[in-house]
């Protein structure tokens, strides 16, 4: 079974009803005492009915979720609509700042320039960050230099021969020239997706293999 990481991302629809209630409560108290309307007890009762049993279920149903696996990313909106992205649709994954905290937000930039922002305080953030590091995804980008060499001890079981465009994957020999060109252009996740489609080695292996190509390209450029 494919390993999945689920991040729960609460939207403004979670916060807005509660904020309105808390804003209206002191207003009602003020008018109740000023004009002796005798409505305070009813306001408090309505407040209790809404916040105690109801708010939990309301929050459950409007939570936004992001599900990440080797198959890609599923973004479930508060309306329950599912947006599905392949890894080939992801332009890059990097760390950004959240408020005063540096490198505390995962940012997934899609090919249509849309960004999925996942700050550190969301449930599942640590697991997602661990997933991105473990698969070598986060370390592919200079935006996240702390993770550039992280997990370099984990290698693909397939060895990349930089002298040839024809590579061996088990009993098969495959022309990966388009993968190599895509890596050279900096589209690492797209390259991983293309490689997996050509070889069917699985995205986990494809991530590591593409990182291997990237690393050897950089060493070659430094030696020139």
N, C-alpha and C. Protein backbone atom coordinates (compact mmCIF):
# COMPACT_ATOMS: atom_id res chain seq x y z
N UNK A 1 0.85 -1.21 0.00
CA UNK A 1 0.00 0.00 0.00
C UNK A 1 0.88 1.25 0.00
N UNK A 2 0.53 2.23 -0.83
CA UNK A 2 1.31 3.45 -0.95
C UNK A 2 1.20 4.28 0.33
N UNK A 3 2.37 4.75 0.80
CA UNK A 3 2.40 5.57 2.01
C UNK A 3 1.90 6.98 1.69
N UNK A 4 0.97 7.48 2.50
CA UNK A 4 0.39 8.80 2.26
C UNK A 4 0.56 9.67 3.50
N UNK A 5 0.75 10.96 3.26
CA UNK A 5 0.79 11.95 4.33
C UNK A 5 -0.40 12.88 4.16
N UNK A 6 -1.16 13.07 5.23
CA UNK A 6 -2.35 13.92 5.17
C UNK A 6 -2.14 15.15 6.05
N UNK A 7 -2.30 16.31 5.47
CA UNK A 7 -2.21 17.57 6.21
C UNK A 7 -3.59 18.19 6.26
N UNK A 8 -4.05 18.53 7.46
CA UNK A 8 -5.34 19.19 7.63
C UNK A 8 -5.11 20.69 7.66
N UNK A 9 -5.75 21.36 6.73
CA UNK A 9 -5.56 22.81 6.60
C UNK A 9 -6.89 23.50 6.79
N UNK A 10 -7.08 24.11 7.94
CA UNK A 10 -8.34 24.78 8.22
C UNK A 10 -8.44 26.09 7.46
N UNK A 11 -9.61 26.34 6.93
CA UNK A 11 -9.81 27.53 6.12
C UNK A 11 -10.50 28.63 6.90
N UNK A 12 -10.71 29.77 6.25
CA UNK A 12 -11.37 30.91 6.89
C UNK A 12 -12.79 30.57 7.31
N UNK A 13 -13.38 29.57 6.63
CA UNK A 13 -14.75 29.20 6.96
C UNK A 13 -14.85 28.57 8.34
N UNK A 14 -13.72 28.05 8.84
CA UNK A 14 -13.71 27.52 10.20
C UNK A 14 -13.75 28.65 11.23
N UNK A 15 -13.00 29.69 10.93
CA UNK A 15 -12.77 30.74 11.91
C UNK A 15 -13.88 31.78 11.92
N UNK A 16 -14.44 32.07 10.75
CA UNK A 16 -15.39 33.17 10.61
C UNK A 16 -16.62 33.05 11.51
N UNK A 17 -17.32 31.89 11.53
CA UNK A 17 -18.52 31.81 12.40
C UNK A 17 -18.18 32.04 13.87
N UNK A 18 -17.08 31.45 14.31
CA UNK A 18 -16.69 31.62 15.71
C UNK A 18 -16.32 33.07 16.00
N UNK A 19 -15.61 33.72 15.06
CA UNK A 19 -15.22 35.12 15.26
C UNK A 19 -16.45 36.03 15.35
N UNK A 20 -17.45 35.75 14.52
CA UNK A 20 -18.68 36.55 14.55
C UNK A 20 -19.38 36.41 15.90
N UNK A 21 -19.45 35.17 16.39
CA UNK A 21 -20.11 34.93 17.68
C UNK A 21 -19.39 35.67 18.80
N UNK A 22 -18.05 35.57 18.84
CA UNK A 22 -17.29 36.23 19.90
C UNK A 22 -17.37 37.75 19.79
N UNK A 23 -17.53 38.24 18.57
CA UNK A 23 -17.67 39.69 18.39
C UNK A 23 -19.04 40.17 18.86
N UNK A 24 -20.07 39.40 18.56
CA UNK A 24 -21.43 39.82 18.90
C UNK A 24 -21.75 39.67 20.38
N UNK A 25 -21.06 38.76 21.06
CA UNK A 25 -21.38 38.51 22.47
C UNK A 25 -21.22 39.76 23.34
N UNK A 26 -20.07 40.46 23.31
CA UNK A 26 -19.96 41.67 24.15
C UNK A 26 -20.93 42.78 23.71
N UNK A 27 -21.25 42.83 22.40
CA UNK A 27 -22.21 43.82 21.92
C UNK A 27 -23.58 43.56 22.54
N UNK A 28 -23.97 42.29 22.56
CA UNK A 28 -25.27 41.93 23.16
C UNK A 28 -25.29 42.22 24.65
N UNK A 29 -24.17 41.94 25.32
CA UNK A 29 -24.09 42.22 26.76
C UNK A 29 -24.25 43.72 27.01
N UNK A 30 -23.60 44.52 26.18
CA UNK A 30 -23.68 45.98 26.34
C UNK A 30 -25.12 46.49 26.21
N UNK A 31 -25.79 46.07 25.14
CA UNK A 31 -27.16 46.53 24.92
C UNK A 31 -28.12 45.96 25.95
N UNK A 32 -27.83 44.76 26.44
CA UNK A 32 -28.69 44.15 27.45
C UNK A 32 -28.69 44.97 28.74
N UNK A 33 -27.48 45.38 29.17
CA UNK A 33 -27.38 46.16 30.41
C UNK A 33 -27.86 47.60 30.21
N UNK A 34 -27.61 48.16 29.05
CA UNK A 34 -27.97 49.55 28.82
C UNK A 34 -29.47 49.75 28.69
N UNK A 35 -30.12 48.84 27.99
CA UNK A 35 -31.55 49.02 27.71
C UNK A 35 -32.44 48.01 28.46
N UNK A 36 -31.79 47.20 29.32
CA UNK A 36 -32.54 46.22 30.12
C UNK A 36 -33.45 45.36 29.23
N UNK A 37 -32.84 44.78 28.21
CA UNK A 37 -33.61 43.99 27.24
C UNK A 37 -33.87 42.56 27.71
N UNK A 38 -33.11 42.16 28.72
CA UNK A 38 -33.27 40.82 29.28
C UNK A 38 -33.08 39.71 28.22
N UNK A 39 -32.11 39.95 27.34
CA UNK A 39 -31.84 38.94 26.30
C UNK A 39 -30.52 38.21 26.53
N UNK A 40 -29.79 38.64 27.56
CA UNK A 40 -28.46 38.09 27.76
C UNK A 40 -28.49 36.57 27.96
N UNK A 41 -29.44 36.10 28.76
CA UNK A 41 -29.48 34.66 29.03
C UNK A 41 -29.76 33.86 27.76
N UNK A 42 -30.56 34.45 26.86
CA UNK A 42 -30.86 33.75 25.61
C UNK A 42 -29.65 33.76 24.67
N UNK A 43 -28.93 34.87 24.70
CA UNK A 43 -27.71 34.95 23.89
C UNK A 43 -26.68 33.93 24.36
N UNK A 44 -26.50 33.85 25.69
CA UNK A 44 -25.55 32.90 26.25
C UNK A 44 -25.96 31.46 25.96
N UNK A 45 -27.25 31.20 26.01
CA UNK A 45 -27.74 29.86 25.71
C UNK A 45 -27.47 29.50 24.25
N UNK A 46 -27.76 30.44 23.35
CA UNK A 46 -27.50 30.21 21.93
C UNK A 46 -26.01 30.02 21.67
N UNK A 47 -25.20 30.81 22.39
CA UNK A 47 -23.75 30.71 22.26
C UNK A 47 -23.27 29.33 22.68
N UNK A 48 -23.79 28.83 23.80
CA UNK A 48 -23.39 27.52 24.30
C UNK A 48 -23.82 26.41 23.34
N UNK A 49 -25.05 26.52 22.83
CA UNK A 49 -25.56 25.51 21.90
C UNK A 49 -24.70 25.46 20.64
N UNK A 50 -24.29 26.63 20.17
CA UNK A 50 -23.51 26.69 18.93
C UNK A 50 -22.08 26.20 19.13
N UNK A 51 -21.43 26.72 20.16
CA UNK A 51 -20.00 26.45 20.31
C UNK A 51 -19.68 25.07 20.87
N UNK A 52 -20.49 24.59 21.80
CA UNK A 52 -20.13 23.34 22.47
C UNK A 52 -20.38 22.12 21.58
N UNK A 53 -21.62 21.84 21.17
CA UNK A 53 -21.79 20.62 20.37
C UNK A 53 -21.64 20.82 18.87
N UNK A 54 -21.88 22.05 18.40
CA UNK A 54 -22.00 22.24 16.96
C UNK A 54 -20.69 22.60 16.27
N UNK A 55 -19.86 23.39 16.91
CA UNK A 55 -18.68 23.91 16.22
C UNK A 55 -17.73 22.79 15.82
N UNK A 56 -17.62 21.75 16.64
CA UNK A 56 -16.71 20.65 16.32
C UNK A 56 -17.10 19.99 15.00
N UNK A 57 -18.39 19.69 14.87
CA UNK A 57 -18.84 19.02 13.65
C UNK A 57 -18.73 19.94 12.44
N UNK A 58 -18.97 21.23 12.66
CA UNK A 58 -18.83 22.19 11.56
C UNK A 58 -17.39 22.23 11.07
N UNK A 59 -16.45 22.22 12.01
CA UNK A 59 -15.04 22.27 11.64
C UNK A 59 -14.62 21.01 10.89
N UNK A 60 -15.14 19.88 11.30
CA UNK A 60 -14.78 18.62 10.64
C UNK A 60 -15.16 18.65 9.17
N UNK A 61 -16.34 19.20 8.89
CA UNK A 61 -16.84 19.14 7.53
C UNK A 61 -16.25 20.19 6.61
N UNK A 62 -15.69 21.26 7.15
CA UNK A 62 -15.15 22.29 6.27
C UNK A 62 -13.62 22.30 6.26
N UNK A 63 -12.99 21.35 6.91
CA UNK A 63 -11.54 21.28 6.87
C UNK A 63 -11.04 21.04 5.46
N UNK A 64 -9.96 21.71 5.15
CA UNK A 64 -9.28 21.54 3.87
C UNK A 64 -8.16 20.54 4.09
N UNK A 65 -7.93 19.64 3.12
CA UNK A 65 -6.90 18.62 3.30
C UNK A 65 -5.98 18.56 2.08
N UNK A 66 -4.72 18.24 2.36
CA UNK A 66 -3.75 18.01 1.31
C UNK A 66 -3.15 16.62 1.55
N UNK A 67 -3.29 15.74 0.58
CA UNK A 67 -2.80 14.37 0.69
C UNK A 67 -1.65 14.18 -0.28
N UNK A 68 -0.49 13.79 0.24
CA UNK A 68 0.71 13.63 -0.58
C UNK A 68 1.15 12.17 -0.56
N UNK A 69 1.44 11.62 -1.73
CA UNK A 69 1.95 10.26 -1.84
C UNK A 69 2.84 10.18 -3.07
N UNK A 70 3.38 9.01 -3.33
CA UNK A 70 4.23 8.85 -4.51
C UNK A 70 3.44 9.00 -5.81
N UNK A 71 2.12 8.89 -5.71
CA UNK A 71 1.27 9.05 -6.90
C UNK A 71 1.05 10.52 -7.25
N UNK A 72 1.22 11.41 -6.28
CA UNK A 72 1.00 12.82 -6.53
C UNK A 72 0.37 13.51 -5.34
N UNK A 73 -0.37 14.57 -5.60
CA UNK A 73 -0.96 15.39 -4.55
C UNK A 73 -2.46 15.54 -4.79
N UNK A 74 -3.24 15.31 -3.74
CA UNK A 74 -4.68 15.52 -3.81
C UNK A 74 -5.02 16.68 -2.87
N UNK A 75 -5.63 17.70 -3.41
CA UNK A 75 -6.03 18.87 -2.63
C UNK A 75 -7.55 18.85 -2.49
N UNK A 76 -8.03 18.58 -1.28
CA UNK A 76 -9.48 18.52 -1.03
C UNK A 76 -9.92 19.87 -0.46
N UNK A 77 -10.74 20.57 -1.22
CA UNK A 77 -11.20 21.89 -0.83
C UNK A 77 -12.31 21.79 0.22
N UNK A 78 -12.62 22.90 0.93
CA UNK A 78 -13.72 22.87 1.91
C UNK A 78 -15.05 22.46 1.30
N UNK A 79 -15.20 22.65 -0.01
CA UNK A 79 -16.43 22.26 -0.70
C UNK A 79 -16.45 20.77 -1.03
N UNK A 80 -15.38 20.05 -0.64
CA UNK A 80 -15.20 18.62 -0.91
C UNK A 80 -14.76 18.33 -2.35
N UNK A 81 -14.54 19.37 -3.13
CA UNK A 81 -14.03 19.17 -4.47
C UNK A 81 -12.57 18.73 -4.39
N UNK A 82 -12.19 17.73 -5.19
CA UNK A 82 -10.83 17.21 -5.18
C UNK A 82 -10.06 17.69 -6.40
N UNK A 83 -8.90 18.28 -6.14
CA UNK A 83 -7.98 18.68 -7.21
C UNK A 83 -6.80 17.72 -7.16
N UNK A 84 -6.56 17.01 -8.25
CA UNK A 84 -5.53 15.98 -8.28
C UNK A 84 -4.37 16.44 -9.16
N UNK A 85 -3.15 16.36 -8.61
CA UNK A 85 -1.96 16.77 -9.35
C UNK A 85 -0.96 15.61 -9.39
N UNK A 86 -0.42 15.35 -10.56
CA UNK A 86 0.70 14.42 -10.67
C UNK A 86 1.97 15.16 -10.24
N UNK A 87 3.02 14.40 -9.95
CA UNK A 87 4.27 15.06 -9.59
C UNK A 87 4.81 15.86 -10.77
N UNK A 88 4.42 15.46 -11.98
CA UNK A 88 4.83 16.22 -13.15
C UNK A 88 4.18 17.59 -13.23
N UNK A 89 3.11 17.79 -12.44
CA UNK A 89 2.43 19.10 -12.40
C UNK A 89 3.06 20.03 -11.36
N UNK A 90 4.03 19.50 -10.60
CA UNK A 90 4.67 20.28 -9.53
C UNK A 90 5.98 20.86 -10.05
N UNK A 91 6.10 22.16 -10.00
CA UNK A 91 7.30 22.81 -10.52
C UNK A 91 8.45 22.73 -9.52
N UNK A 92 8.15 22.94 -8.25
CA UNK A 92 9.18 22.83 -7.23
C UNK A 92 8.55 22.77 -5.84
N UNK A 93 9.34 22.28 -4.89
CA UNK A 93 8.94 22.25 -3.48
C UNK A 93 10.07 22.88 -2.69
N UNK A 94 9.74 23.87 -1.88
CA UNK A 94 10.79 24.56 -1.13
C UNK A 94 10.24 25.11 0.18
N UNK A 95 11.14 25.62 1.00
CA UNK A 95 10.76 26.18 2.29
C UNK A 95 10.65 27.70 2.21
N UNK A 96 9.66 28.24 2.90
CA UNK A 96 9.49 29.68 2.99
C UNK A 96 9.30 30.08 4.44
N UNK A 97 9.16 31.36 4.68
CA UNK A 97 8.99 31.86 6.03
C UNK A 97 7.51 32.00 6.37
N UNK A 98 7.20 31.75 7.63
CA UNK A 98 5.84 31.93 8.13
C UNK A 98 5.92 32.92 9.29
N UNK A 99 5.50 34.16 9.03
CA UNK A 99 5.63 35.19 10.06
C UNK A 99 7.10 35.47 10.34
N UNK A 100 7.47 35.42 11.60
CA UNK A 100 8.85 35.70 11.99
C UNK A 100 9.74 34.45 11.96
N UNK A 101 9.17 33.31 11.59
CA UNK A 101 9.92 32.06 11.62
C UNK A 101 10.41 31.71 10.21
N UNK A 102 11.73 31.63 10.06
CA UNK A 102 12.32 31.29 8.77
C UNK A 102 12.22 29.79 8.53
N UNK A 103 12.11 29.41 7.26
CA UNK A 103 12.07 27.99 6.85
C UNK A 103 11.01 27.20 7.62
N UNK A 104 9.86 27.82 7.83
CA UNK A 104 8.82 27.18 8.64
C UNK A 104 7.54 26.92 7.85
N UNK A 105 7.63 27.03 6.53
CA UNK A 105 6.47 26.78 5.69
C UNK A 105 6.89 26.00 4.44
N UNK A 106 6.22 24.89 4.19
CA UNK A 106 6.45 24.16 2.95
C UNK A 106 5.61 24.80 1.85
N UNK A 107 6.24 25.07 0.73
CA UNK A 107 5.52 25.67 -0.39
C UNK A 107 5.64 24.74 -1.59
N UNK A 108 4.49 24.33 -2.11
CA UNK A 108 4.44 23.47 -3.29
C UNK A 108 3.99 24.35 -4.46
N UNK A 109 4.90 24.63 -5.36
CA UNK A 109 4.60 25.47 -6.52
C UNK A 109 4.20 24.59 -7.69
N UNK A 110 2.98 24.80 -8.18
CA UNK A 110 2.47 24.01 -9.29
C UNK A 110 2.82 24.67 -10.62
N UNK A 111 2.71 23.90 -11.68
CA UNK A 111 3.10 24.40 -13.00
C UNK A 111 2.21 25.55 -13.48
N UNK A 112 0.99 25.66 -12.92
CA UNK A 112 0.11 26.77 -13.29
C UNK A 112 0.34 27.99 -12.39
N UNK A 113 1.45 27.97 -11.62
CA UNK A 113 1.89 29.04 -10.71
C UNK A 113 1.09 29.10 -9.42
N UNK A 114 0.13 28.22 -9.26
CA UNK A 114 -0.61 28.16 -8.00
C UNK A 114 0.30 27.61 -6.91
N UNK A 115 0.17 28.12 -5.69
CA UNK A 115 0.99 27.66 -4.58
C UNK A 115 0.13 27.02 -3.49
N UNK A 116 0.57 25.86 -3.03
CA UNK A 116 -0.02 25.25 -1.85
C UNK A 116 0.92 25.55 -0.69
N UNK A 117 0.46 26.37 0.25
CA UNK A 117 1.31 26.78 1.37
C UNK A 117 0.91 26.01 2.62
N UNK A 118 1.91 25.37 3.23
CA UNK A 118 1.65 24.53 4.40
C UNK A 118 2.53 24.99 5.55
N UNK A 119 2.01 25.85 6.44
CA UNK A 119 2.81 26.36 7.56
C UNK A 119 3.02 25.32 8.65
N UNK A 120 3.98 25.58 9.52
CA UNK A 120 4.44 24.61 10.50
C UNK A 120 3.38 24.22 11.53
N UNK A 121 2.38 25.06 11.75
CA UNK A 121 1.41 24.79 12.81
C UNK A 121 0.28 23.86 12.37
N UNK A 122 0.24 23.48 11.11
CA UNK A 122 -0.83 22.59 10.65
C UNK A 122 -0.56 21.15 11.06
N UNK A 123 -1.63 20.44 11.34
CA UNK A 123 -1.52 19.03 11.70
C UNK A 123 -1.00 18.24 10.51
N UNK A 124 0.08 17.50 10.72
CA UNK A 124 0.67 16.70 9.65
C UNK A 124 1.87 17.36 8.98
N UNK A 125 2.20 18.60 9.39
CA UNK A 125 3.31 19.32 8.76
C UNK A 125 4.63 18.57 8.93
N UNK A 126 4.91 18.13 10.16
CA UNK A 126 6.19 17.45 10.43
C UNK A 126 6.33 16.17 9.61
N UNK A 127 5.24 15.41 9.49
CA UNK A 127 5.29 14.18 8.70
C UNK A 127 5.51 14.48 7.22
N UNK A 128 4.88 15.54 6.74
CA UNK A 128 5.03 15.91 5.33
C UNK A 128 6.46 16.38 5.05
N UNK A 129 7.00 17.17 5.95
CA UNK A 129 8.38 17.64 5.78
C UNK A 129 9.35 16.47 5.79
N UNK A 130 9.11 15.53 6.70
CA UNK A 130 9.94 14.32 6.76
C UNK A 130 9.85 13.53 5.46
N UNK A 131 8.65 13.45 4.90
CA UNK A 131 8.44 12.74 3.64
C UNK A 131 9.23 13.41 2.51
N UNK A 132 9.16 14.73 2.44
CA UNK A 132 9.85 15.48 1.39
C UNK A 132 11.37 15.34 1.51
N UNK A 133 11.86 15.31 2.74
CA UNK A 133 13.30 15.15 2.96
C UNK A 133 13.73 13.72 2.64
N UNK A 134 12.96 12.76 3.13
CA UNK A 134 13.31 11.35 2.96
C UNK A 134 13.36 10.94 1.50
N UNK A 135 12.52 11.54 0.68
CA UNK A 135 12.49 11.20 -0.74
C UNK A 135 13.41 12.08 -1.58
N UNK A 136 14.15 12.95 -0.91
CA UNK A 136 15.10 13.80 -1.63
C UNK A 136 14.46 14.94 -2.39
N UNK A 137 13.16 15.16 -2.18
CA UNK A 137 12.44 16.19 -2.94
C UNK A 137 12.83 17.58 -2.46
N UNK A 138 12.84 17.78 -1.15
CA UNK A 138 13.13 19.10 -0.61
C UNK A 138 14.56 19.52 -0.89
N UNK A 139 15.48 18.56 -0.90
CA UNK A 139 16.88 18.87 -1.14
C UNK A 139 17.24 19.13 -2.59
N UNK A 140 16.26 19.05 -3.49
CA UNK A 140 16.54 19.29 -4.90
C UNK A 140 16.70 20.77 -5.23
N UNK A 141 16.26 21.63 -4.31
CA UNK A 141 16.16 23.04 -4.65
C UNK A 141 17.03 23.91 -3.75
N UNK A 142 17.67 24.90 -4.36
CA UNK A 142 18.58 25.78 -3.63
C UNK A 142 17.83 26.67 -2.64
N UNK A 143 16.50 26.76 -2.78
CA UNK A 143 15.70 27.54 -1.83
C UNK A 143 15.73 26.91 -0.44
N UNK A 144 16.09 25.63 -0.37
CA UNK A 144 16.12 24.91 0.90
C UNK A 144 17.52 24.32 1.12
N UNK A 145 18.54 25.18 1.27
CA UNK A 145 19.93 24.70 1.35
C UNK A 145 20.21 23.80 2.54
N UNK A 146 19.43 23.95 3.62
CA UNK A 146 19.66 23.11 4.79
C UNK A 146 19.46 21.63 4.47
N UNK A 147 18.67 21.34 3.45
CA UNK A 147 18.33 19.96 3.14
C UNK A 147 18.98 19.48 1.85
N UNK A 148 19.94 20.26 1.35
CA UNK A 148 20.52 19.93 0.05
C UNK A 148 21.21 18.57 0.07
N UNK A 149 21.98 18.31 1.12
CA UNK A 149 22.71 17.04 1.19
C UNK A 149 22.06 16.05 2.16
N UNK A 150 20.89 16.39 2.66
CA UNK A 150 20.20 15.49 3.57
C UNK A 150 19.81 14.20 2.87
N UNK A 151 20.02 13.08 3.56
CA UNK A 151 19.61 11.78 3.05
C UNK A 151 20.37 11.37 1.79
N UNK A 152 21.57 11.92 1.59
CA UNK A 152 22.36 11.55 0.41
C UNK A 152 22.84 10.11 0.49
N UNK A 153 22.78 9.52 1.69
CA UNK A 153 23.18 8.12 1.83
C UNK A 153 22.17 7.16 1.23
N UNK A 154 20.97 7.65 0.96
CA UNK A 154 19.94 6.81 0.36
C UNK A 154 20.00 6.96 -1.15
N UNK A 155 20.30 5.88 -1.84
CA UNK A 155 20.49 5.93 -3.28
C UNK A 155 19.46 5.08 -4.01
N UNK A 156 19.26 5.42 -5.26
CA UNK A 156 18.45 4.57 -6.12
C UNK A 156 19.20 3.26 -6.37
N UNK A 157 18.46 2.19 -6.55
CA UNK A 157 19.12 0.91 -6.84
C UNK A 157 19.60 0.83 -8.28
N UNK A 158 19.26 1.86 -9.07
CA UNK A 158 19.72 1.92 -10.46
C UNK A 158 20.80 2.99 -10.58
N UNK A 159 21.91 2.63 -11.21
CA UNK A 159 23.06 3.52 -11.32
C UNK A 159 22.98 4.31 -12.62
N UNK A 160 23.14 5.61 -12.50
CA UNK A 160 23.11 6.48 -13.67
C UNK A 160 24.50 6.60 -14.28
N UNK A 161 24.60 6.28 -15.57
CA UNK A 161 25.85 6.40 -16.31
C UNK A 161 25.78 7.68 -17.13
N UNK A 162 26.51 8.70 -16.70
CA UNK A 162 26.40 10.01 -17.34
C UNK A 162 26.98 10.06 -18.74
N UNK A 163 27.69 8.99 -19.15
CA UNK A 163 28.31 8.98 -20.48
C UNK A 163 27.35 8.49 -21.57
N UNK A 164 26.15 8.05 -21.17
CA UNK A 164 25.23 7.49 -22.16
C UNK A 164 23.80 7.95 -21.90
N UNK A 165 23.04 8.07 -22.99
CA UNK A 165 21.62 8.39 -22.86
C UNK A 165 20.77 7.14 -22.70
N UNK A 166 21.37 5.99 -22.98
CA UNK A 166 20.69 4.70 -22.81
C UNK A 166 21.08 4.14 -21.45
N UNK A 167 20.10 3.98 -20.58
CA UNK A 167 20.36 3.52 -19.21
C UNK A 167 19.68 2.18 -18.95
N UNK A 168 20.26 1.42 -18.03
CA UNK A 168 19.73 0.10 -17.68
C UNK A 168 18.84 0.20 -16.45
N UNK A 169 17.67 -0.41 -16.56
CA UNK A 169 16.74 -0.52 -15.44
C UNK A 169 16.32 -1.98 -15.36
N UNK A 170 17.09 -2.74 -14.58
CA UNK A 170 16.85 -4.18 -14.53
C UNK A 170 17.22 -4.80 -15.86
N UNK A 171 16.29 -5.50 -16.46
CA UNK A 171 16.53 -6.15 -17.75
C UNK A 171 16.25 -5.23 -18.94
N UNK A 172 15.79 -4.03 -18.67
CA UNK A 172 15.42 -3.11 -19.75
C UNK A 172 16.47 -2.03 -19.95
N UNK A 173 16.62 -1.63 -21.20
CA UNK A 173 17.47 -0.49 -21.53
C UNK A 173 16.57 0.59 -22.12
N UNK A 174 16.67 1.79 -21.56
CA UNK A 174 15.73 2.86 -21.92
C UNK A 174 16.50 4.13 -22.28
N UNK A 175 16.04 4.79 -23.34
CA UNK A 175 16.59 6.08 -23.72
C UNK A 175 15.95 7.15 -22.82
N UNK A 176 16.76 7.78 -21.98
CA UNK A 176 16.23 8.78 -21.05
C UNK A 176 16.73 10.19 -21.40
N UNK A 177 17.00 10.41 -22.67
CA UNK A 177 17.51 11.72 -23.08
C UNK A 177 16.56 12.85 -22.71
N UNK A 178 15.24 12.60 -22.82
CA UNK A 178 14.27 13.64 -22.45
C UNK A 178 14.27 13.89 -20.94
N UNK A 179 14.52 12.84 -20.17
CA UNK A 179 14.63 12.99 -18.71
C UNK A 179 15.85 13.83 -18.37
N UNK A 180 16.97 13.54 -19.02
CA UNK A 180 18.21 14.28 -18.78
C UNK A 180 18.05 15.76 -19.14
N UNK A 181 17.38 16.02 -20.25
CA UNK A 181 17.14 17.41 -20.66
C UNK A 181 16.25 18.14 -19.66
N UNK A 182 15.25 17.42 -19.15
CA UNK A 182 14.33 18.03 -18.18
C UNK A 182 15.04 18.33 -16.87
N UNK A 183 15.93 17.44 -16.45
CA UNK A 183 16.73 17.70 -15.25
C UNK A 183 17.61 18.92 -15.46
N UNK A 184 18.23 19.01 -16.63
CA UNK A 184 19.11 20.14 -16.93
C UNK A 184 18.36 21.47 -16.90
N UNK A 185 17.06 21.43 -17.19
CA UNK A 185 16.25 22.65 -17.18
C UNK A 185 15.74 23.00 -15.79
N UNK A 186 16.02 22.13 -14.80
CA UNK A 186 15.61 22.40 -13.43
C UNK A 186 14.23 21.88 -13.07
N UNK A 187 13.59 21.14 -13.98
CA UNK A 187 12.25 20.60 -13.71
C UNK A 187 12.40 19.18 -13.14
N UNK A 188 12.86 19.09 -11.90
CA UNK A 188 13.25 17.80 -11.32
C UNK A 188 12.06 16.87 -11.09
N UNK A 189 10.96 17.41 -10.62
CA UNK A 189 9.80 16.56 -10.34
C UNK A 189 9.12 16.12 -11.63
N UNK A 190 9.12 16.99 -12.62
CA UNK A 190 8.61 16.60 -13.94
C UNK A 190 9.49 15.51 -14.53
N UNK A 191 10.80 15.64 -14.36
CA UNK A 191 11.73 14.62 -14.85
C UNK A 191 11.47 13.28 -14.17
N UNK A 192 11.18 13.32 -12.87
CA UNK A 192 10.89 12.08 -12.12
C UNK A 192 9.62 11.42 -12.66
N UNK A 193 8.62 12.24 -12.95
CA UNK A 193 7.36 11.72 -13.48
C UNK A 193 7.56 11.09 -14.86
N UNK A 194 8.34 11.76 -15.71
CA UNK A 194 8.62 11.23 -17.05
C UNK A 194 9.38 9.92 -16.95
N UNK A 195 10.37 9.89 -16.05
CA UNK A 195 11.18 8.69 -15.88
C UNK A 195 10.32 7.51 -15.43
N UNK A 196 9.43 7.76 -14.49
CA UNK A 196 8.57 6.68 -14.01
C UNK A 196 7.64 6.16 -15.11
N UNK A 197 7.14 7.06 -15.94
CA UNK A 197 6.27 6.64 -17.04
C UNK A 197 7.03 5.81 -18.07
N UNK A 198 8.31 6.13 -18.27
CA UNK A 198 9.11 5.40 -19.26
C UNK A 198 9.59 4.05 -18.75
N UNK A 199 9.81 3.95 -17.43
CA UNK A 199 10.44 2.75 -16.87
C UNK A 199 9.56 1.97 -15.91
N UNK A 200 8.55 2.65 -15.33
CA UNK A 200 7.67 2.04 -14.33
C UNK A 200 8.45 1.54 -13.11
N UNK A 201 9.46 2.31 -12.69
CA UNK A 201 10.25 1.92 -11.52
C UNK A 201 9.63 2.44 -10.22
N UNK A 202 8.59 3.26 -10.34
CA UNK A 202 7.95 3.83 -9.15
C UNK A 202 8.51 5.22 -8.86
N UNK A 203 7.66 6.09 -8.34
CA UNK A 203 8.08 7.47 -8.11
C UNK A 203 9.16 7.58 -7.04
N UNK A 204 9.13 6.72 -6.03
CA UNK A 204 10.15 6.79 -4.98
C UNK A 204 11.54 6.58 -5.58
N UNK A 205 11.67 5.57 -6.44
CA UNK A 205 12.95 5.32 -7.12
C UNK A 205 13.27 6.44 -8.10
N UNK A 206 12.25 6.95 -8.77
CA UNK A 206 12.46 8.01 -9.76
C UNK A 206 13.00 9.28 -9.10
N UNK A 207 12.48 9.62 -7.91
CA UNK A 207 12.98 10.80 -7.19
C UNK A 207 14.49 10.65 -6.93
N UNK A 208 14.88 9.49 -6.42
CA UNK A 208 16.28 9.25 -6.07
C UNK A 208 17.17 9.21 -7.31
N UNK A 209 16.65 8.64 -8.39
CA UNK A 209 17.43 8.55 -9.62
C UNK A 209 17.66 9.94 -10.22
N UNK A 210 16.62 10.76 -10.22
CA UNK A 210 16.76 12.12 -10.75
C UNK A 210 17.72 12.93 -9.89
N UNK A 211 17.66 12.74 -8.58
CA UNK A 211 18.61 13.44 -7.71
C UNK A 211 20.04 13.02 -8.04
N UNK A 212 20.21 11.75 -8.40
CA UNK A 212 21.52 11.24 -8.79
C UNK A 212 22.02 11.94 -10.07
N UNK A 213 21.11 12.10 -11.04
CA UNK A 213 21.47 12.80 -12.28
C UNK A 213 21.87 14.24 -11.96
N UNK A 214 21.06 14.90 -11.15
CA UNK A 214 21.31 16.30 -10.79
C UNK A 214 22.67 16.45 -10.11
N UNK A 215 22.95 15.56 -9.17
CA UNK A 215 24.20 15.63 -8.41
C UNK A 215 25.41 15.42 -9.32
N UNK A 216 25.32 14.45 -10.23
CA UNK A 216 26.45 14.18 -11.13
C UNK A 216 26.63 15.31 -12.14
N UNK A 217 25.53 15.92 -12.56
CA UNK A 217 25.63 17.09 -13.45
C UNK A 217 26.37 18.23 -12.76
N UNK A 218 26.06 18.45 -11.49
CA UNK A 218 26.69 19.54 -10.75
C UNK A 218 28.18 19.28 -10.55
N UNK A 219 28.53 18.04 -10.27
CA UNK A 219 29.95 17.70 -10.11
C UNK A 219 30.70 17.88 -11.42
N UNK A 220 30.03 17.52 -12.52
CA UNK A 220 30.65 17.69 -13.84
C UNK A 220 30.89 19.17 -14.14
N UNK A 221 29.89 20.01 -13.82
CA UNK A 221 30.02 21.45 -14.08
C UNK A 221 31.11 22.09 -13.22
N UNK A 222 31.26 21.61 -11.99
CA UNK A 222 32.30 22.16 -11.11
C UNK A 222 33.70 21.81 -11.61
N UNK A 223 33.83 20.64 -12.22
CA UNK A 223 35.14 20.18 -12.68
C UNK A 223 35.54 20.78 -14.02
N UNK A 224 34.59 21.43 -14.68
CA UNK A 224 34.91 22.01 -15.99
C UNK A 224 35.63 23.35 -15.85
